[in-house]
């Protein structure tokens, strides 16, 4: 599962809690390992 979040930039106050919450999401679903891949888009649509 890929995650693009505004961890920096004008919307960082939205993205940082998101990144924190993703770290708490389950490591498995229905017995399947989940890889949470988090990237920062810096509140930039192009990124």
ModelCIF file with pLDDT and N, C-alpha, C, O atoms, coordinates in Angstrom:
data_MODEL
#
_entry.id   MODEL 
#
_entity.id                         1 
_entity.type                       polymer 
_entity.pdbx_number_of_molecules   1 
#
_entity_poly.entity_id                      1 
_entity_poly.type                           'polypeptide(L)' 
_entity_poly.nstd_linkage                   no 
_entity_poly.nstd_monomer                   no 
_entity_poly.pdbx_seq_one_letter_code       
;(UNK)(UNK)(UNK)(UNK)(UNK)(UNK)(UNK)(UNK)(UNK)(UNK)(UNK)(UNK)(UNK)(UNK)(UNK)(UNK)
(UNK)(UNK)(UNK)(UNK)(UNK)(UNK)(UNK)(UNK)(UNK)(UNK)(UNK)(UNK)(UNK)(UNK)(UNK)(UNK)
(UNK)(UNK)(UNK)(UNK)(UNK)(UNK)(UNK)(UNK)(UNK)(UNK)(UNK)(UNK)(UNK)(UNK)(UNK)
;
_entity_poly.pdbx_seq_one_letter_code_can   XXXXXXXXXXXXXXXXXXXXXXXXXXXXXXXXXXXXXXXXXXXXXXX 
_entity_poly.pdbx_strand_id                 A 
#
loop_
_entity_poly_seq.entity_id 
_entity_poly_seq.num 
_entity_poly_seq.mon_id 
_entity_poly_seq.hetero 
1 1  UNK n 
1 2  UNK n 
1 3  UNK n 
1 4  UNK n 
1 5  UNK n 
1 6  UNK n 
1 7  UNK n 
1 8  UNK n 
1 9  UNK n 
1 10 UNK n 
1 11 UNK n 
1 12 UNK n 
1 13 UNK n 
1 14 UNK n 
1 15 UNK n 
1 16 UNK n 
1 17 UNK n 
1 18 UNK n 
1 19 UNK n 
1 20 UNK n 
1 21 UNK n 
1 22 UNK n 
1 23 UNK n 
1 24 UNK n 
1 25 UNK n 
1 26 UNK n 
1 27 UNK n 
1 28 UNK n 
1 29 UNK n 
1 30 UNK n 
1 31 UNK n 
1 32 UNK n 
1 33 UNK n 
1 34 UNK n 
1 35 UNK n 
1 36 UNK n 
1 37 UNK n 
1 38 UNK n 
1 39 UNK n 
1 40 UNK n 
1 41 UNK n 
1 42 UNK n 
1 43 UNK n 
1 44 UNK n 
1 45 UNK n 
1 46 UNK n 
1 47 UNK n 
#
_struct_asym.id          A 
_struct_asym.entity_id   1 
#
loop_
_ma_qa_metric.id 
_ma_qa_metric.mode 
_ma_qa_metric.name 
_ma_qa_metric.software_group_id 
_ma_qa_metric.type 
1 global pLDDT . pLDDT 
2 local  pLDDT . pLDDT 
#
_ma_qa_metric_global.metric_id      1 
_ma_qa_metric_global.metric_value   95.51 
_ma_qa_metric_global.model_id       1 
_ma_qa_metric_global.ordinal_id     1 
#
loop_
_ma_qa_metric_local.label_asym_id 
_ma_qa_metric_local.label_comp_id 
_ma_qa_metric_local.label_seq_id 
_ma_qa_metric_local.metric_id 
_ma_qa_metric_local.metric_value 
_ma_qa_metric_local.model_id 
_ma_qa_metric_local.ordinal_id 
A UNK 1  2 98.00 1 1  
A UNK 2  2 98.00 1 2  
A UNK 3  2 98.00 1 3  
A UNK 4  2 98.00 1 4  
A UNK 5  2 97.00 1 5  
A UNK 6  2 94.00 1 6  
A UNK 7  2 93.00 1 7  
A UNK 8  2 94.00 1 8  
A UNK 9  2 91.00 1 9  
A UNK 10 2 87.00 1 10 
A UNK 11 2 86.00 1 11 
A UNK 12 2 89.00 1 12 
A UNK 13 2 88.00 1 13 
A UNK 14 2 89.00 1 14 
A UNK 15 2 92.00 1 15 
A UNK 16 2 94.00 1 16 
A UNK 17 2 94.00 1 17 
A UNK 18 2 95.00 1 18 
A UNK 19 2 96.00 1 19 
A UNK 20 2 97.00 1 20 
A UNK 21 2 97.00 1 21 
A UNK 22 2 98.00 1 22 
A UNK 23 2 97.00 1 23 
A UNK 24 2 98.00 1 24 
A UNK 25 2 98.00 1 25 
A UNK 26 2 97.00 1 26 
A UNK 27 2 97.00 1 27 
A UNK 28 2 98.00 1 28 
A UNK 29 2 98.00 1 29 
A UNK 30 2 96.00 1 30 
A UNK 31 2 96.00 1 31 
A UNK 32 2 97.00 1 32 
A UNK 33 2 98.00 1 33 
A UNK 34 2 98.00 1 34 
A UNK 35 2 98.00 1 35 
A UNK 36 2 98.00 1 36 
A UNK 37 2 98.00 1 37 
A UNK 38 2 98.00 1 38 
A UNK 39 2 98.00 1 39 
A UNK 40 2 97.00 1 40 
A UNK 41 2 97.00 1 41 
A UNK 42 2 95.00 1 42 
A UNK 43 2 92.00 1 43 
A UNK 44 2 96.00 1 44 
A UNK 45 2 96.00 1 45 
A UNK 46 2 97.00 1 46 
A UNK 47 2 98.00 1 47 
#
loop_
_atom_site.group_PDB 
_atom_site.id 
_atom_site.type_symbol 
_atom_site.label_atom_id 
_atom_site.label_alt_id 
_atom_site.label_comp_id 
_atom_site.label_asym_id 
_atom_site.label_entity_id 
_atom_site.label_seq_id 
_atom_site.pdbx_PDB_ins_code 
_atom_site.Cartn_x 
_atom_site.Cartn_y 
_atom_site.Cartn_z 
_atom_site.occupancy 
_atom_site.B_iso_or_equiv 
_atom_site.pdbx_formal_charge 
_atom_site.auth_seq_id 
_atom_site.auth_comp_id 
_atom_site.auth_asym_id 
_atom_site.auth_atom_id 
_atom_site.pdbx_PDB_model_num 
ATOM 1   N N  . UNK A 1 1  ? 0.855  -1.184  0.000  1.00 98.00 ? 1  UNK A N  1 
ATOM 2   C CA . UNK A 1 1  ? 0.000  0.000   0.000  1.00 98.00 ? 1  UNK A CA 1 
ATOM 3   C C  . UNK A 1 1  ? 0.889  1.233   0.000  1.00 98.00 ? 1  UNK A C  1 
ATOM 4   O O  . UNK A 1 1  ? 1.702  1.416   0.906  1.00 98.00 ? 1  UNK A O  1 
ATOM 5   N N  . UNK A 1 2  ? 0.739  2.075   -1.010 1.00 98.00 ? 2  UNK A N  1 
ATOM 6   C CA . UNK A 1 2  ? 1.509  3.308   -1.105 1.00 98.00 ? 2  UNK A CA 1 
ATOM 7   C C  . UNK A 1 2  ? 0.779  4.470   -0.484 1.00 98.00 ? 2  UNK A C  1 
ATOM 8   O O  . UNK A 1 2  ? -0.436 4.602   -0.635 1.00 98.00 ? 2  UNK A O  1 
ATOM 9   N N  . UNK A 1 3  ? 1.511  5.313   0.213  1.00 98.00 ? 3  UNK A N  1 
ATOM 10  C CA . UNK A 1 3  ? 0.920  6.482   0.875  1.00 98.00 ? 3  UNK A CA 1 
ATOM 11  C C  . UNK A 1 3  ? 1.673  7.732   0.434  1.00 98.00 ? 3  UNK A C  1 
ATOM 12  O O  . UNK A 1 3  ? 2.894  7.807   0.577  1.00 98.00 ? 3  UNK A O  1 
ATOM 13  N N  . UNK A 1 4  ? 0.950  8.711   -0.100 1.00 98.00 ? 4  UNK A N  1 
ATOM 14  C CA . UNK A 1 4  ? 1.542  10.011  -0.412 1.00 98.00 ? 4  UNK A CA 1 
ATOM 15  C C  . UNK A 1 4  ? 0.938  11.037  0.533  1.00 98.00 ? 4  UNK A C  1 
ATOM 16  O O  . UNK A 1 4  ? -0.276 11.241  0.548  1.00 98.00 ? 4  UNK A O  1 
ATOM 17  N N  . UNK A 1 5  ? 1.785  11.678  1.316  1.00 97.00 ? 5  UNK A N  1 
ATOM 18  C CA . UNK A 1 5  ? 1.309  12.572  2.361  1.00 97.00 ? 5  UNK A CA 1 
ATOM 19  C C  . UNK A 1 5  ? 2.073  13.889  2.358  1.00 97.00 ? 5  UNK A C  1 
ATOM 20  O O  . UNK A 1 5  ? 3.234  13.942  1.953  1.00 97.00 ? 5  UNK A O  1 
ATOM 21  N N  . UNK A 1 6  ? 1.416  14.944  2.809  1.00 94.00 ? 6  UNK A N  1 
ATOM 22  C CA . UNK A 1 6  ? 2.024  16.277  2.875  1.00 94.00 ? 6  UNK A CA 1 
ATOM 23  C C  . UNK A 1 6  ? 2.830  16.415  4.160  1.00 94.00 ? 6  UNK A C  1 
ATOM 24  O O  . UNK A 1 6  ? 2.476  17.216  5.025  1.00 94.00 ? 6  UNK A O  1 
ATOM 25  N N  . UNK A 1 7  ? 3.884  15.664  4.294  1.00 93.00 ? 7  UNK A N  1 
ATOM 26  C CA . UNK A 1 7  ? 4.678  15.704  5.530  1.00 93.00 ? 7  UNK A CA 1 
ATOM 27  C C  . UNK A 1 7  ? 5.490  16.982  5.656  1.00 93.00 ? 7  UNK A C  1 
ATOM 28  O O  . UNK A 1 7  ? 5.940  17.331  6.748  1.00 93.00 ? 7  UNK A O  1 
ATOM 29  N N  . UNK A 1 8  ? 5.680  17.687  4.534  1.00 94.00 ? 8  UNK A N  1 
ATOM 30  C CA . UNK A 1 8  ? 6.336  18.995  4.546  1.00 94.00 ? 8  UNK A CA 1 
ATOM 31  C C  . UNK A 1 8  ? 5.514  19.944  3.675  1.00 94.00 ? 8  UNK A C  1 
ATOM 32  O O  . UNK A 1 8  ? 4.537  19.538  3.048  1.00 94.00 ? 8  UNK A O  1 
ATOM 33  N N  . UNK A 1 9  ? 5.924  21.212  3.646  1.00 91.00 ? 9  UNK A N  1 
ATOM 34  C CA . UNK A 1 9  ? 5.186  22.190  2.847  1.00 91.00 ? 9  UNK A CA 1 
ATOM 35  C C  . UNK A 1 9  ? 4.066  22.840  3.631  1.00 91.00 ? 9  UNK A C  1 
ATOM 36  O O  . UNK A 1 9  ? 3.958  22.625  4.839  1.00 91.00 ? 9  UNK A O  1 
ATOM 37  N N  . UNK A 1 10 ? 3.213  23.645  2.965  1.00 87.00 ? 10 UNK A N  1 
ATOM 38  C CA . UNK A 1 10 ? 2.159  24.399  3.656  1.00 87.00 ? 10 UNK A CA 1 
ATOM 39  C C  . UNK A 1 10 ? 1.155  23.537  4.416  1.00 87.00 ? 10 UNK A C  1 
ATOM 40  O O  . UNK A 1 10 ? 0.553  23.998  5.386  1.00 87.00 ? 10 UNK A O  1 
ATOM 41  N N  . UNK A 1 11 ? 0.969  22.288  3.982  1.00 86.00 ? 11 UNK A N  1 
ATOM 42  C CA . UNK A 1 11 ? -0.005 21.413  4.645  1.00 86.00 ? 11 UNK A CA 1 
ATOM 43  C C  . UNK A 1 11 ? 0.652  20.384  5.549  1.00 86.00 ? 11 UNK A C  1 
ATOM 44  O O  . UNK A 1 11 ? 0.078  19.327  5.808  1.00 86.00 ? 11 UNK A O  1 
ATOM 45  N N  . UNK A 1 12 ? 1.855  20.688  6.032  1.00 89.00 ? 12 UNK A N  1 
ATOM 46  C CA . UNK A 1 12 ? 2.568  19.724  6.882  1.00 89.00 ? 12 UNK A CA 1 
ATOM 47  C C  . UNK A 1 12 ? 1.804  19.385  8.153  1.00 89.00 ? 12 UNK A C  1 
ATOM 48  O O  . UNK A 1 12 ? 1.927  18.275  8.672  1.00 89.00 ? 12 UNK A O  1 
ATOM 49  N N  . UNK A 1 13 ? 1.015  20.331  8.661  1.00 88.00 ? 13 UNK A N  1 
ATOM 50  C CA . UNK A 1 13 ? 0.250  20.057  9.877  1.00 88.00 ? 13 UNK A CA 1 
ATOM 51  C C  . UNK A 1 13 ? -0.825 19.003  9.634  1.00 88.00 ? 13 UNK A C  1 
ATOM 52  O O  . UNK A 1 13 ? -1.367 18.440  10.585 1.00 88.00 ? 13 UNK A O  1 
ATOM 53  N N  . UNK A 1 14 ? -1.137 18.734  8.365  1.00 89.00 ? 14 UNK A N  1 
ATOM 54  C CA . UNK A 1 14 ? -2.057 17.661  8.010  1.00 89.00 ? 14 UNK A CA 1 
ATOM 55  C C  . UNK A 1 14 ? -1.288 16.359  7.769  1.00 89.00 ? 14 UNK A C  1 
ATOM 56  O O  . UNK A 1 14 ? -1.717 15.283  8.185  1.00 89.00 ? 14 UNK A O  1 
ATOM 57  N N  . UNK A 1 15 ? -0.157 16.480  7.097  1.00 92.00 ? 15 UNK A N  1 
ATOM 58  C CA . UNK A 1 15 ? 0.582  15.305  6.674  1.00 92.00 ? 15 UNK A CA 1 
ATOM 59  C C  . UNK A 1 15 ? 1.353  14.595  7.767  1.00 92.00 ? 15 UNK A C  1 
ATOM 60  O O  . UNK A 1 15 ? 1.458  13.368  7.754  1.00 92.00 ? 15 UNK A O  1 
ATOM 61  N N  . UNK A 1 16 ? 1.894  15.345  8.713  1.00 94.00 ? 16 UNK A N  1 
ATOM 62  C CA . UNK A 1 16 ? 2.676  14.705  9.781  1.00 94.00 ? 16 UNK A CA 1 
ATOM 63  C C  . UNK A 1 16 ? 1.811  13.768  10.629 1.00 94.00 ? 16 UNK A C  1 
ATOM 64  O O  . UNK A 1 16 ? 2.230  12.640  10.886 1.00 94.00 ? 16 UNK A O  1 
ATOM 65  N N  . UNK A 1 17 ? 0.609  14.194  11.078 1.00 94.00 ? 17 UNK A N  1 
ATOM 66  C CA . UNK A 1 17 ? -0.241 13.240  11.814 1.00 94.00 ? 17 UNK A CA 1 
ATOM 67  C C  . UNK A 1 17 ? -0.629 12.029  10.964 1.00 94.00 ? 17 UNK A C  1 
ATOM 68  O O  . UNK A 1 17 ? -0.781 10.922  11.481 1.00 94.00 ? 17 UNK A O  1 
ATOM 69  N N  . UNK A 1 18 ? -0.787 12.248  9.655  1.00 95.00 ? 18 UNK A N  1 
ATOM 70  C CA . UNK A 1 18 ? -1.097 11.132  8.764  1.00 95.00 ? 18 UNK A CA 1 
ATOM 71  C C  . UNK A 1 18 ? 0.035  10.118  8.771  1.00 95.00 ? 18 UNK A C  1 
ATOM 72  O O  . UNK A 1 18 ? -0.194 8.917   8.912  1.00 95.00 ? 18 UNK A O  1 
ATOM 73  N N  . UNK A 1 19 ? 1.258  10.611  8.618  1.00 96.00 ? 19 UNK A N  1 
ATOM 74  C CA . UNK A 1 19 ? 2.425  9.733   8.625  1.00 96.00 ? 19 UNK A CA 1 
ATOM 75  C C  . UNK A 1 19 ? 2.529  8.991   9.953  1.00 96.00 ? 19 UNK A C  1 
ATOM 76  O O  . UNK A 1 19 ? 2.865  7.808   9.985  1.00 96.00 ? 19 UNK A O  1 
ATOM 77  N N  . UNK A 1 20 ? 2.239  9.691   11.048 1.00 97.00 ? 20 UNK A N  1 
ATOM 78  C CA . UNK A 1 20 ? 2.260  9.044   12.361 1.00 97.00 ? 20 UNK A CA 1 
ATOM 79  C C  . UNK A 1 20 ? 1.233  7.918   12.444 1.00 97.00 ? 20 UNK A C  1 
ATOM 80  O O  . UNK A 1 20 ? 1.517  6.840   12.965 1.00 97.00 ? 20 UNK A O  1 
ATOM 81  N N  . UNK A 1 21 ? 0.033  8.186   11.921 1.00 97.00 ? 21 UNK A N  1 
ATOM 82  C CA . UNK A 1 21 ? -1.038 7.198   12.002 1.00 97.00 ? 21 UNK A CA 1 
ATOM 83  C C  . UNK A 1 21 ? -0.731 5.973   11.157 1.00 97.00 ? 21 UNK A C  1 
ATOM 84  O O  . UNK A 1 21 ? -1.041 4.851   11.556 1.00 97.00 ? 21 UNK A O  1 
ATOM 85  N N  . UNK A 1 22 ? -0.122 6.178   9.991  1.00 98.00 ? 22 UNK A N  1 
ATOM 86  C CA . UNK A 1 22 ? 0.209  5.048   9.121  1.00 98.00 ? 22 UNK A CA 1 
ATOM 87  C C  . UNK A 1 22 ? 1.121  4.059   9.846  1.00 98.00 ? 22 UNK A C  1 
ATOM 88  O O  . UNK A 1 22 ? 1.025  2.848   9.649  1.00 98.00 ? 22 UNK A O  1 
ATOM 89  N N  . UNK A 1 23 ? 2.006  4.596   10.687 1.00 97.00 ? 23 UNK A N  1 
ATOM 90  C CA . UNK A 1 23 ? 2.918  3.722   11.437 1.00 97.00 ? 23 UNK A CA 1 
ATOM 91  C C  . UNK A 1 23 ? 2.168  2.832   12.428 1.00 97.00 ? 23 UNK A C  1 
ATOM 92  O O  . UNK A 1 23 ? 2.718  1.840   12.906 1.00 97.00 ? 23 UNK A O  1 
ATOM 93  N N  . UNK A 1 24 ? 0.912  3.180   12.740 1.00 98.00 ? 24 UNK A N  1 
ATOM 94  C CA . UNK A 1 24 ? 0.108  2.398   13.677 1.00 98.00 ? 24 UNK A CA 1 
ATOM 95  C C  . UNK A 1 24 ? -0.828 1.425   12.979 1.00 98.00 ? 24 UNK A C  1 
ATOM 96  O O  . UNK A 1 24 ? -1.477 0.614   13.639 1.00 98.00 ? 24 UNK A O  1 
ATOM 97  N N  . UNK A 1 25 ? -0.908 1.491   11.659 1.00 98.00 ? 25 UNK A N  1 
ATOM 98  C CA . UNK A 1 25 ? -1.801 0.607   10.911 1.00 98.00 ? 25 UNK A CA 1 
ATOM 99  C C  . UNK A 1 25 ? -1.298 -0.829  10.977 1.00 98.00 ? 25 UNK A C  1 
ATOM 100 O O  . UNK A 1 25 ? -0.110 -1.058  11.205 1.00 98.00 ? 25 UNK A O  1 
ATOM 101 N N  . UNK A 1 26 ? -2.188 -1.797  10.779 1.00 97.00 ? 26 UNK A N  1 
ATOM 102 C CA . UNK A 1 26 ? -1.824 -3.197  10.995 1.00 97.00 ? 26 UNK A CA 1 
ATOM 103 C C  . UNK A 1 26 ? -0.728 -3.689  10.055 1.00 97.00 ? 26 UNK A C  1 
ATOM 104 O O  . UNK A 1 26 ? -0.660 -3.295  8.891  1.00 97.00 ? 26 UNK A O  1 
ATOM 105 N N  . UNK A 1 27 ? 0.121  -4.553  10.583 1.00 97.00 ? 27 UNK A N  1 
ATOM 106 C CA . UNK A 1 27 ? 1.207  -5.141  9.797  1.00 97.00 ? 27 UNK A CA 1 
ATOM 107 C C  . UNK A 1 27 ? 0.721  -6.299  8.947  1.00 97.00 ? 27 UNK A C  1 
ATOM 108 O O  . UNK A 1 27 ? 1.397  -6.710  8.005  1.00 97.00 ? 27 UNK A O  1 
ATOM 109 N N  . UNK A 1 28 ? -0.451 -6.826  9.277  1.00 98.00 ? 28 UNK A N  1 
ATOM 110 C CA . UNK A 1 28 ? -1.062 -7.885  8.475  1.00 98.00 ? 28 UNK A CA 1 
ATOM 111 C C  . UNK A 1 28 ? -2.559 -7.633  8.359  1.00 98.00 ? 28 UNK A C  1 
ATOM 112 O O  . UNK A 1 28 ? -3.176 -7.068  9.262  1.00 98.00 ? 28 UNK A O  1 
ATOM 113 N N  . UNK A 1 29 ? -3.129 -8.054  7.247  1.00 98.00 ? 29 UNK A N  1 
ATOM 114 C CA . UNK A 1 29 ? -4.576 -8.044  7.054  1.00 98.00 ? 29 UNK A CA 1 
ATOM 115 C C  . UNK A 1 29 ? -4.962 -9.412  6.512  1.00 98.00 ? 29 UNK A C  1 
ATOM 116 O O  . UNK A 1 29 ? -4.445 -9.849  5.484  1.00 98.00 ? 29 UNK A O  1 
ATOM 117 N N  . UNK A 1 30 ? -5.868 -10.083 7.201  1.00 96.00 ? 30 UNK A N  1 
ATOM 118 C CA . UNK A 1 30 ? -6.322 -11.416 6.797  1.00 96.00 ? 30 UNK A CA 1 
ATOM 119 C C  . UNK A 1 30 ? -5.145 -12.373 6.617  1.00 96.00 ? 30 UNK A C  1 
ATOM 120 O O  . UNK A 1 30 ? -5.153 -13.214 5.718  1.00 96.00 ? 30 UNK A O  1 
ATOM 121 N N  . UNK A 1 31 ? -4.143 -12.239 7.469  1.00 96.00 ? 31 UNK A N  1 
ATOM 122 C CA . UNK A 1 31 ? -2.993 -13.117 7.419  1.00 96.00 ? 31 UNK A CA 1 
ATOM 123 C C  . UNK A 1 31 ? -1.946 -12.772 6.387  1.00 96.00 ? 31 UNK A C  1 
ATOM 124 O O  . UNK A 1 31 ? -0.960 -13.492 6.231  1.00 96.00 ? 31 UNK A O  1 
ATOM 125 N N  . UNK A 1 32 ? -2.152 -11.671 5.678  1.00 97.00 ? 32 UNK A N  1 
ATOM 126 C CA . UNK A 1 32 ? -1.216 -11.248 4.638  1.00 97.00 ? 32 UNK A CA 1 
ATOM 127 C C  . UNK A 1 32 ? -0.387 -10.078 5.154  1.00 97.00 ? 32 UNK A C  1 
ATOM 128 O O  . UNK A 1 32 ? -0.931 -9.120  5.703  1.00 97.00 ? 32 UNK A O  1 
ATOM 129 N N  . UNK A 1 33 ? 0.926  -10.158 4.977  1.00 98.00 ? 33 UNK A N  1 
ATOM 130 C CA . UNK A 1 33 ? 1.791  -9.060  5.392  1.00 98.00 ? 33 UNK A CA 1 
ATOM 131 C C  . UNK A 1 33 ? 1.502  -7.809  4.570  1.00 98.00 ? 33 UNK A C  1 
ATOM 132 O O  . UNK A 1 33 ? 1.344  -7.874  3.351  1.00 98.00 ? 33 UNK A O  1 
ATOM 133 N N  . UNK A 1 34 ? 1.434  -6.662  5.261  1.00 98.00 ? 34 UNK A N  1 
ATOM 134 C CA . UNK A 1 34 ? 1.188  -5.390  4.586  1.00 98.00 ? 34 UNK A CA 1 
ATOM 135 C C  . UNK A 1 34 ? 2.445  -4.529  4.651  1.00 98.00 ? 34 UNK A C  1 
ATOM 136 O O  . UNK A 1 34 ? 2.990  -4.294  5.729  1.00 98.00 ? 34 UNK A O  1 
ATOM 137 N N  . UNK A 1 35 ? 2.895  -4.068  3.509  1.00 98.00 ? 35 UNK A N  1 
ATOM 138 C CA . UNK A 1 35 ? 4.008  -3.117  3.438  1.00 98.00 ? 35 UNK A CA 1 
ATOM 139 C C  . UNK A 1 35 ? 3.435  -1.735  3.154  1.00 98.00 ? 35 UNK A C  1 
ATOM 140 O O  . UNK A 1 35 ? 2.914  -1.479  2.068  1.00 98.00 ? 35 UNK A O  1 
ATOM 141 N N  . UNK A 1 36 ? 3.536  -0.845  4.141  1.00 98.00 ? 36 UNK A N  1 
ATOM 142 C CA . UNK A 1 36 ? 3.058  0.536   3.990  1.00 98.00 ? 36 UNK A CA 1 
ATOM 143 C C  . UNK A 1 36 ? 4.235  1.371   3.492  1.00 98.00 ? 36 UNK A C  1 
ATOM 144 O O  . UNK A 1 36 ? 5.207  1.562   4.223  1.00 98.00 ? 36 UNK A O  1 
ATOM 145 N N  . UNK A 1 37 ? 4.160  1.864   2.275  1.00 98.00 ? 37 UNK A N  1 
ATOM 146 C CA . UNK A 1 37 ? 5.261  2.603   1.652  1.00 98.00 ? 37 UNK A CA 1 
ATOM 147 C C  . UNK A 1 37 ? 4.890  4.082   1.636  1.00 98.00 ? 37 UNK A C  1 
ATOM 148 O O  . UNK A 1 37 ? 4.009  4.493   0.880  1.00 98.00 ? 37 UNK A O  1 
ATOM 149 N N  . UNK A 1 38 ? 5.554  4.878   2.459  1.00 98.00 ? 38 UNK A N  1 
ATOM 150 C CA . UNK A 1 38 ? 5.166  6.278   2.672  1.00 98.00 ? 38 UNK A CA 1 
ATOM 151 C C  . UNK A 1 38 ? 6.133  7.218   1.953  1.00 98.00 ? 38 UNK A C  1 
ATOM 152 O O  . UNK A 1 38 ? 7.348  7.128   2.129  1.00 98.00 ? 38 UNK A O  1 
ATOM 153 N N  . UNK A 1 39 ? 5.579  8.120   1.143  1.00 98.00 ? 39 UNK A N  1 
ATOM 154 C CA . UNK A 1 39 ? 6.359  9.143   0.447  1.00 98.00 ? 39 UNK A CA 1 
ATOM 155 C C  . UNK A 1 39 ? 5.809  10.521  0.777  1.00 98.00 ? 39 UNK A C  1 
ATOM 156 O O  . UNK A 1 39 ? 4.612  10.675  1.017  1.00 98.00 ? 39 UNK A O  1 
ATOM 157 N N  . UNK A 1 40 ? 6.673  11.512  0.789  1.00 97.00 ? 40 UNK A N  1 
ATOM 158 C CA . UNK A 1 40 ? 6.289  12.901  1.067  1.00 97.00 ? 40 UNK A CA 1 
ATOM 159 C C  . UNK A 1 40 ? 6.076  13.634  -0.255 1.00 97.00 ? 40 UNK A C  1 
ATOM 160 O O  . UNK A 1 40 ? 6.949  13.624  -1.123 1.00 97.00 ? 40 UNK A O  1 
ATOM 161 N N  . UNK A 1 41 ? 4.900  14.278  -0.406 1.00 97.00 ? 41 UNK A N  1 
ATOM 162 C CA . UNK A 1 41 ? 4.670  15.072  -1.623 1.00 97.00 ? 41 UNK A CA 1 
ATOM 163 C C  . UNK A 1 41 ? 4.818  16.570  -1.386 1.00 97.00 ? 41 UNK A C  1 
ATOM 164 O O  . UNK A 1 41 ? 4.618  17.365  -2.304 1.00 97.00 ? 41 UNK A O  1 
ATOM 165 N N  . UNK A 1 42 ? 5.172  16.965  -0.150 1.00 95.00 ? 42 UNK A N  1 
ATOM 166 C CA . UNK A 1 42 ? 5.470  18.364  0.174  1.00 95.00 ? 42 UNK A CA 1 
ATOM 167 C C  . UNK A 1 42 ? 4.352  19.332  -0.211 1.00 95.00 ? 42 UNK A C  1 
ATOM 168 O O  . UNK A 1 42 ? 4.612  20.503  -0.489 1.00 95.00 ? 42 UNK A O  1 
ATOM 169 N N  . UNK A 1 43 ? 3.102  18.842  -0.229 1.00 92.00 ? 43 UNK A N  1 
ATOM 170 C CA . UNK A 1 43 ? 1.937  19.661  -0.582 1.00 92.00 ? 43 UNK A CA 1 
ATOM 171 C C  . UNK A 1 43 ? 2.019  20.169  -2.020 1.00 92.00 ? 43 UNK A C  1 
ATOM 172 O O  . UNK A 1 43 ? 1.445  21.207  -2.350 1.00 92.00 ? 43 UNK A O  1 
ATOM 173 N N  . UNK A 1 44 ? 2.720  19.450  -2.855 1.00 96.00 ? 44 UNK A N  1 
ATOM 174 C CA . UNK A 1 44 ? 2.959  19.848  -4.248 1.00 96.00 ? 44 UNK A CA 1 
ATOM 175 C C  . UNK A 1 44 ? 2.272  18.846  -5.171 1.00 96.00 ? 44 UNK A C  1 
ATOM 176 O O  . UNK A 1 44 ? 2.669  17.681  -5.200 1.00 96.00 ? 44 UNK A O  1 
ATOM 177 N N  . UNK A 1 45 ? 1.249  19.263  -5.930 1.00 96.00 ? 45 UNK A N  1 
ATOM 178 C CA . UNK A 1 45 ? 0.550  18.334  -6.819 1.00 96.00 ? 45 UNK A CA 1 
ATOM 179 C C  . UNK A 1 45 ? 1.470  17.637  -7.817 1.00 96.00 ? 45 UNK A C  1 
ATOM 180 O O  . UNK A 1 45 ? 1.265  16.465  -8.133 1.00 96.00 ? 45 UNK A O  1 
ATOM 181 N N  . UNK A 1 46 ? 2.482  18.349  -8.316 1.00 97.00 ? 46 UNK A N  1 
ATOM 182 C CA . UNK A 1 46 ? 3.410  17.739  -9.264 1.00 97.00 ? 46 UNK A CA 1 
ATOM 183 C C  . UNK A 1 46 ? 4.185  16.598  -8.616 1.00 97.00 ? 46 UNK A C  1 
ATOM 184 O O  . UNK A 1 46 ? 4.368  15.539  -9.216 1.00 97.00 ? 46 UNK A O  1 
ATOM 185 N N  . UNK A 1 47 ? 4.637  16.822  -7.388 1.00 98.00 ? 47 UNK A N  1 
ATOM 186 C CA . UNK A 1 47 ? 5.359  15.777  -6.671 1.00 98.00 ? 47 UNK A CA 1 
ATOM 187 C C  . UNK A 1 47 ? 4.421  14.634  -6.285 1.00 98.00 ? 47 UNK A C  1 
ATOM 188 O O  . UNK A 1 47 ? 4.856  13.659  -5.672 1.00 98.00 ? 47 UNK A O  1 
#
